[in-house]
Amino acid sequence: MDDNTVLGKIHGLVDEEHKLRGQLGRGEISSDEEHARLKELEEALDQCWDLLRRRRAAREVGNDPNAEQAHSVNEVEGYFQ
């Protein structure tokens, strides 16, 4: 997955987040449904941003950014605990 693909995924997830908020506002989904899906979106966004940062860091030090793979949600979400 190259940087543009990761960025495309980030934009898609952000778009979905905006759609969810609109659906909630129109009463199409419950707040519980919105919160559950938002949690999934936030975790996926964290994974994407983490991967993009690691790809950029690898490139800066002369390593192959394509060698970087997405870390698990548990690993990414555990960074600050």
N, C-alpha and C. Protein backbone atom coordinates (compact mmCIF):
# COMPACT_ATOMS: atom_id res chain seq x y z
N MET A 1 0.85 -1.17 0.00
CA MET A 1 0.00 0.00 0.00
C MET A 1 0.90 1.24 0.00
N ASP A 2 0.76 2.11 -0.99
CA ASP A 2 1.59 3.31 -1.05
C ASP A 2 0.92 4.46 -0.29
N ASP A 3 1.65 5.57 -0.16
CA ASP A 3 1.14 6.71 0.61
C ASP A 3 -0.19 7.21 0.07
N ASN A 4 -0.33 7.30 -1.24
CA ASN A 4 -1.58 7.80 -1.82
C ASN A 4 -2.76 6.88 -1.51
N THR A 5 -2.51 5.58 -1.48
CA THR A 5 -3.56 4.64 -1.13
C THR A 5 -3.97 4.81 0.33
N VAL A 6 -2.98 4.98 1.20
CA VAL A 6 -3.27 5.19 2.62
C VAL A 6 -4.05 6.50 2.79
N LEU A 7 -3.62 7.55 2.12
CA LEU A 7 -4.34 8.83 2.21
C LEU A 7 -5.76 8.71 1.66
N GLY A 8 -5.92 7.96 0.59
CA GLY A 8 -7.25 7.73 0.04
C GLY A 8 -8.15 7.03 1.02
N LYS A 9 -7.60 6.06 1.73
CA LYS A 9 -8.37 5.35 2.74
C LYS A 9 -8.74 6.29 3.88
N ILE A 10 -7.81 7.14 4.28
CA ILE A 10 -8.08 8.12 5.34
C ILE A 10 -9.23 9.03 4.92
N HIS A 11 -9.18 9.54 3.69
CA HIS A 11 -10.25 10.42 3.21
C HIS A 11 -11.59 9.69 3.17
N GLY A 12 -11.57 8.43 2.76
CA GLY A 12 -12.80 7.64 2.72
C GLY A 12 -13.40 7.44 4.11
N LEU A 13 -12.55 7.18 5.09
CA LEU A 13 -13.01 7.00 6.46
C LEU A 13 -13.57 8.31 7.03
N VAL A 14 -12.93 9.42 6.73
CA VAL A 14 -13.43 10.72 7.19
C VAL A 14 -14.77 11.01 6.54
N ASP A 15 -14.91 10.71 5.24
CA ASP A 15 -16.19 10.90 4.56
C ASP A 15 -17.28 10.07 5.22
N GLU A 16 -16.95 8.84 5.57
CA GLU A 16 -17.94 7.98 6.22
C GLU A 16 -18.33 8.55 7.58
N GLU A 17 -17.36 9.10 8.29
CA GLU A 17 -17.65 9.73 9.58
C GLU A 17 -18.66 10.87 9.41
N HIS A 18 -18.46 11.68 8.39
CA HIS A 18 -19.38 12.79 8.13
C HIS A 18 -20.78 12.27 7.77
N LYS A 19 -20.83 11.21 6.98
CA LYS A 19 -22.13 10.62 6.61
C LYS A 19 -22.85 10.09 7.83
N LEU A 20 -22.11 9.45 8.74
CA LEU A 20 -22.72 8.93 9.96
C LEU A 20 -23.35 10.04 10.77
N ARG A 21 -22.64 11.14 10.89
CA ARG A 21 -23.18 12.26 11.67
C ARG A 21 -24.45 12.82 11.02
N GLY A 22 -24.46 12.83 9.69
CA GLY A 22 -25.66 13.26 8.98
C GLY A 22 -26.82 12.30 9.18
N GLN A 23 -26.52 11.00 9.13
CA GLN A 23 -27.56 10.00 9.35
C GLN A 23 -28.15 10.12 10.75
N LEU A 24 -27.30 10.36 11.73
CA LEU A 24 -27.78 10.55 13.10
C LEU A 24 -28.68 11.78 13.17
N GLY A 25 -28.23 12.86 12.56
CA GLY A 25 -29.00 14.09 12.56
C GLY A 25 -30.36 13.96 11.91
N ARG A 26 -30.47 13.08 10.91
CA ARG A 26 -31.74 12.86 10.22
C ARG A 26 -32.56 11.75 10.88
N GLY A 27 -32.04 11.17 11.95
CA GLY A 27 -32.76 10.12 12.66
C GLY A 27 -32.74 8.77 11.96
N GLU A 28 -31.80 8.58 11.03
CA GLU A 28 -31.71 7.32 10.29
C GLU A 28 -31.01 6.22 11.07
N ILE A 29 -30.19 6.62 12.02
CA ILE A 29 -29.51 5.65 12.89
C ILE A 29 -29.59 6.15 14.33
N SER A 30 -29.43 5.24 15.26
CA SER A 30 -29.45 5.62 16.67
C SER A 30 -28.07 6.13 17.09
N SER A 31 -28.03 6.79 18.22
CA SER A 31 -26.73 7.28 18.71
C SER A 31 -25.84 6.10 19.08
N ASP A 32 -26.44 4.99 19.55
CA ASP A 32 -25.63 3.80 19.84
C ASP A 32 -24.97 3.26 18.58
N GLU A 33 -25.73 3.22 17.47
CA GLU A 33 -25.18 2.76 16.20
C GLU A 33 -24.07 3.70 15.73
N GLU A 34 -24.31 5.00 15.88
CA GLU A 34 -23.30 5.98 15.47
C GLU A 34 -22.03 5.81 16.30
N HIS A 35 -22.17 5.69 17.61
CA HIS A 35 -21.01 5.57 18.49
C HIS A 35 -20.21 4.31 18.19
N ALA A 36 -20.90 3.20 17.95
CA ALA A 36 -20.20 1.95 17.66
C ALA A 36 -19.40 2.07 16.37
N ARG A 37 -20.03 2.62 15.34
CA ARG A 37 -19.33 2.74 14.05
C ARG A 37 -18.23 3.79 14.13
N LEU A 38 -18.46 4.88 14.87
CA LEU A 38 -17.42 5.90 15.02
C LEU A 38 -16.19 5.33 15.70
N LYS A 39 -16.39 4.46 16.68
CA LYS A 39 -15.25 3.83 17.35
C LYS A 39 -14.44 3.02 16.34
N GLU A 40 -15.11 2.26 15.48
CA GLU A 40 -14.43 1.48 14.45
C GLU A 40 -13.68 2.39 13.48
N LEU A 41 -14.34 3.49 13.09
CA LEU A 41 -13.71 4.43 12.16
C LEU A 41 -12.48 5.07 12.78
N GLU A 42 -12.59 5.47 14.04
CA GLU A 42 -11.46 6.11 14.72
C GLU A 42 -10.27 5.15 14.82
N GLU A 43 -10.55 3.89 15.11
CA GLU A 43 -9.48 2.91 15.20
C GLU A 43 -8.82 2.70 13.83
N ALA A 44 -9.64 2.63 12.79
CA ALA A 44 -9.10 2.46 11.44
C ALA A 44 -8.28 3.69 11.03
N LEU A 45 -8.76 4.87 11.40
CA LEU A 45 -8.01 6.10 11.11
C LEU A 45 -6.67 6.10 11.85
N ASP A 46 -6.69 5.70 13.10
CA ASP A 46 -5.43 5.63 13.86
C ASP A 46 -4.45 4.69 13.19
N GLN A 47 -4.94 3.54 12.72
CA GLN A 47 -4.07 2.58 12.02
C GLN A 47 -3.48 3.21 10.76
N CYS A 48 -4.31 3.89 10.00
CA CYS A 48 -3.84 4.50 8.75
C CYS A 48 -2.81 5.59 9.01
N TRP A 49 -3.10 6.47 9.97
CA TRP A 49 -2.15 7.54 10.27
C TRP A 49 -0.84 6.98 10.78
N ASP A 50 -0.92 5.92 11.60
CA ASP A 50 0.28 5.28 12.11
C ASP A 50 1.11 4.72 10.96
N LEU A 51 0.45 4.02 10.04
CA LEU A 51 1.16 3.45 8.90
C LEU A 51 1.79 4.55 8.04
N LEU A 52 1.05 5.61 7.80
CA LEU A 52 1.58 6.70 6.98
C LEU A 52 2.80 7.34 7.65
N ARG A 53 2.74 7.56 8.96
CA ARG A 53 3.89 8.13 9.68
C ARG A 53 5.10 7.19 9.61
N ARG A 54 4.86 5.89 9.78
CA ARG A 54 5.97 4.94 9.72
C ARG A 54 6.54 4.84 8.32
N ARG A 55 5.71 4.93 7.29
CA ARG A 55 6.20 4.91 5.91
C ARG A 55 7.08 6.13 5.66
N ARG A 56 6.63 7.28 6.11
CA ARG A 56 7.40 8.52 5.91
C ARG A 56 8.72 8.47 6.68
N ALA A 57 8.68 7.94 7.91
CA ALA A 57 9.90 7.83 8.71
C ALA A 57 10.88 6.88 8.05
N ALA A 58 10.38 5.77 7.52
CA ALA A 58 11.27 4.82 6.84
C ALA A 58 11.94 5.48 5.65
N ARG A 59 11.17 6.23 4.88
CA ARG A 59 11.71 6.92 3.71
C ARG A 59 12.79 7.92 4.12
N GLU A 60 12.55 8.66 5.21
CA GLU A 60 13.50 9.67 5.67
C GLU A 60 14.87 9.08 6.02
N VAL A 61 14.87 7.87 6.56
CA VAL A 61 16.15 7.27 6.96
C VAL A 61 16.70 6.32 5.90
N GLY A 62 16.09 6.34 4.72
CA GLY A 62 16.61 5.55 3.61
C GLY A 62 16.14 4.11 3.56
N ASN A 63 15.13 3.77 4.35
CA ASN A 63 14.58 2.42 4.33
C ASN A 63 13.42 2.35 3.34
N ASP A 64 13.02 1.16 2.99
CA ASP A 64 11.93 0.92 2.05
C ASP A 64 10.59 1.12 2.76
N PRO A 65 9.83 2.15 2.39
CA PRO A 65 8.54 2.36 3.04
C PRO A 65 7.55 1.24 2.77
N ASN A 66 7.76 0.50 1.68
CA ASN A 66 6.86 -0.60 1.36
C ASN A 66 7.03 -1.79 2.30
N ALA A 67 8.09 -1.78 3.07
CA ALA A 67 8.30 -2.85 4.05
C ALA A 67 7.41 -2.64 5.28
N GLU A 68 6.87 -1.45 5.42
CA GLU A 68 6.00 -1.15 6.57
C GLU A 68 4.61 -1.73 6.33
N GLN A 69 4.07 -2.36 7.36
CA GLN A 69 2.72 -2.93 7.32
C GLN A 69 1.90 -2.31 8.44
N ALA A 70 0.60 -2.31 8.25
CA ALA A 70 -0.30 -1.77 9.28
C ALA A 70 -0.17 -2.60 10.55
N HIS A 71 -0.10 -1.93 11.67
CA HIS A 71 -0.10 -2.60 12.97
C HIS A 71 -1.54 -2.89 13.37
N SER A 72 -1.72 -3.84 14.27
CA SER A 72 -3.07 -4.19 14.73
C SER A 72 -3.69 -3.02 15.49
N VAL A 73 -5.00 -3.04 15.58
CA VAL A 73 -5.72 -2.00 16.33
C VAL A 73 -5.23 -1.99 17.77
N ASN A 74 -5.10 -3.17 18.37
CA ASN A 74 -4.65 -3.23 19.77
C ASN A 74 -3.28 -2.59 19.95
N GLU A 75 -2.38 -2.82 19.01
CA GLU A 75 -1.05 -2.23 19.13
C GLU A 75 -1.10 -0.73 18.97
N VAL A 76 -1.80 -0.25 17.94
CA VAL A 76 -1.87 1.18 17.69
C VAL A 76 -2.59 1.90 18.83
N GLU A 77 -3.68 1.34 19.30
CA GLU A 77 -4.44 1.97 20.37
C GLU A 77 -3.70 1.89 21.71
N GLY A 78 -2.75 0.98 21.84
CA GLY A 78 -2.00 0.83 23.09
C GLY A 78 -0.76 1.70 23.18
N TYR A 79 -0.45 2.47 22.13
CA TYR A 79 0.76 3.29 22.14
C TYR A 79 0.81 4.26 23.31
N PHE A 80 -0.31 4.83 23.68
CA PHE A 80 -0.30 5.90 24.67
C PHE A 80 -0.79 5.44 26.03
N GLN A 81 -0.86 4.15 26.24
CA GLN A 81 -1.33 3.66 27.54
C GLN A 81 -0.18 3.35 28.45
